[in-house]
Amino acid sequence: MKEILSPAEFKVVAKSQLELIKEISEKVTIIKTEADLMTEERKKANNLDNAKSKDMRIVKS
């Protein structure tokens, strides 16, 4: 589109698409950040679960 329209026309025609791309990008960034945090917290929880399992095996022995 940018190649066939003048800069002024492109700005008008593409404005909504560019705004939508920006909004989607921001939401994807938030989702990715939160997913990474959740993964790290799950790793910590898994380590705690593993430690508790080891403790229970020692107690039962």
C-alpha atoms as a PDB file:
ATOM      1  CA  MET A   1       0.000   0.000   0.000  1.00  0.00           C
ATOM      2  CA  LYS A   2       2.780   2.348   0.906  1.00  0.00           C
ATOM      3  CA  GLU A   3       4.295   2.043  -2.560  1.00  0.00           C
ATOM      4  CA  ILE A   4       1.093   2.897  -4.466  1.00  0.00           C
ATOM      5  CA  LEU A   5      -0.291   5.701  -2.295  1.00  0.00           C
ATOM      6  CA  SER A   6       1.065   9.115  -1.517  1.00  0.00           C
ATOM      7  CA  PRO A   7       2.331   9.540   2.052  1.00  0.00           C
ATOM      8  CA  ALA A   8      -0.764  11.552   2.983  1.00  0.00           C
ATOM      9  CA  GLU A   9      -3.150   8.988   1.467  1.00  0.00           C
ATOM     10  CA  PHE A  10      -1.298   6.137   3.119  1.00  0.00           C
ATOM     11  CA  LYS A  11      -1.523   7.834   6.495  1.00  0.00           C
ATOM     12  CA  VAL A  12      -5.315   8.135   6.183  1.00  0.00           C
ATOM     13  CA  VAL A  13      -5.961   4.693   4.692  1.00  0.00           C
ATOM     14  CA  ALA A  14      -3.593   2.723   6.902  1.00  0.00           C
ATOM     15  CA  LYS A  15      -4.278   4.522  10.179  1.00  0.00           C
ATOM     16  CA  SER A  16      -6.761   1.999  11.552  1.00  0.00           C
ATOM     17  CA  GLN A  17      -4.665  -0.993  10.464  1.00  0.00           C
ATOM     18  CA  LEU A  18      -1.562   0.450  12.088  1.00  0.00           C
ATOM     19  CA  GLU A  19      -3.459   1.186  15.303  1.00  0.00           C
ATOM     20  CA  LEU A  20      -4.796  -2.375  15.337  1.00  0.00           C
ATOM     21  CA  ILE A  21      -1.311  -3.818  14.775  1.00  0.00           C
ATOM     22  CA  LYS A  22       0.016  -1.721  17.654  1.00  0.00           C
ATOM     23  CA  GLU A  23      -2.815  -2.811  19.968  1.00  0.00           C
ATOM     24  CA  ILE A  24      -2.337  -6.489  19.088  1.00  0.00           C
ATOM     25  CA  SER A  25       1.410  -6.181  19.596  1.00  0.00           C
ATOM     26  CA  GLU A  26       0.930  -4.662  23.055  1.00  0.00           C
ATOM     27  CA  LYS A  27      -1.478  -7.450  24.052  1.00  0.00           C
ATOM     28  CA  VAL A  28       0.846 -10.172  22.755  1.00  0.00           C
ATOM     29  CA  THR A  29       3.714  -8.637  24.731  1.00  0.00           C
ATOM     30  CA  ILE A  30       1.634  -8.676  27.919  1.00  0.00           C
ATOM     31  CA  ILE A  31       0.574 -12.285  27.327  1.00  0.00           C
ATOM     32  CA  LYS A  32       4.169 -13.370  26.658  1.00  0.00           C
ATOM     33  CA  THR A  33       5.457 -11.603  29.775  1.00  0.00           C
ATOM     34  CA  GLU A  34       2.750 -13.125  31.972  1.00  0.00           C
ATOM     35  CA  ALA A  35       3.284 -16.592  30.477  1.00  0.00           C
ATOM     36  CA  ASP A  36       7.023 -16.344  31.176  1.00  0.00           C
ATOM     37  CA  LEU A  37       6.318 -15.318  34.781  1.00  0.00           C
ATOM     38  CA  MET A  38       3.846 -18.170  35.185  1.00  0.00           C
ATOM     39  CA  THR A  39       6.398 -20.651  33.826  1.00  0.00           C
ATOM     40  CA  GLU A  40       9.021 -19.445  36.294  1.00  0.00           C
ATOM     41  CA  GLU A  41       6.567 -19.716  39.197  1.00  0.00           C
ATOM     42  CA  ARG A  42       5.622 -23.243  38.092  1.00  0.00           C
ATOM     43  CA  LYS A  43       9.316 -24.196  38.072  1.00  0.00           C
ATOM     44  CA  LYS A  44       9.621 -22.925  41.657  1.00  0.00           C
ATOM     45  CA  ALA A  45       6.498 -24.837  42.683  1.00  0.00           C
ATOM     46  CA  ASN A  46       7.821 -27.996  41.028  1.00  0.00           C
ATOM     47  CA  ASN A  47      11.052 -27.663  42.985  1.00  0.00           C
ATOM     48  CA  LEU A  48       9.052 -27.348  46.208  1.00  0.00           C
ATOM     49  CA  ASP A  49       6.931 -30.371  45.269  1.00  0.00           C
ATOM     50  CA  ASN A  50      10.080 -32.373  44.532  1.00  0.00           C
ATOM     51  CA  ALA A  51      11.637 -31.378  47.853  1.00  0.00           C
ATOM     52  CA  LYS A  52       8.474 -32.387  49.734  1.00  0.00           C
ATOM     53  CA  SER A  53       8.402 -35.733  47.917  1.00  0.00           C
ATOM     54  CA  LYS A  54      12.013 -36.368  48.892  1.00  0.00           C
ATOM     55  CA  ASP A  55      11.236 -35.442  52.504  1.00  0.00           C
ATOM     56  CA  MET A  56       8.289 -37.852  52.536  1.00  0.00           C
ATOM     57  CA  ARG A  57      10.447 -40.669  51.143  1.00  0.00           C
ATOM     58  CA  ILE A  58      13.059 -40.057  53.841  1.00  0.00           C
ATOM     59  CA  VAL A  59      10.394 -40.057  56.571  1.00  0.00           C
ATOM     60  CA  LYS A  60       8.874 -43.306  55.272  1.00  0.00           C
ATOM     61  CA  SER A  61      12.284 -45.041  55.142  1.00  0.00           C
END
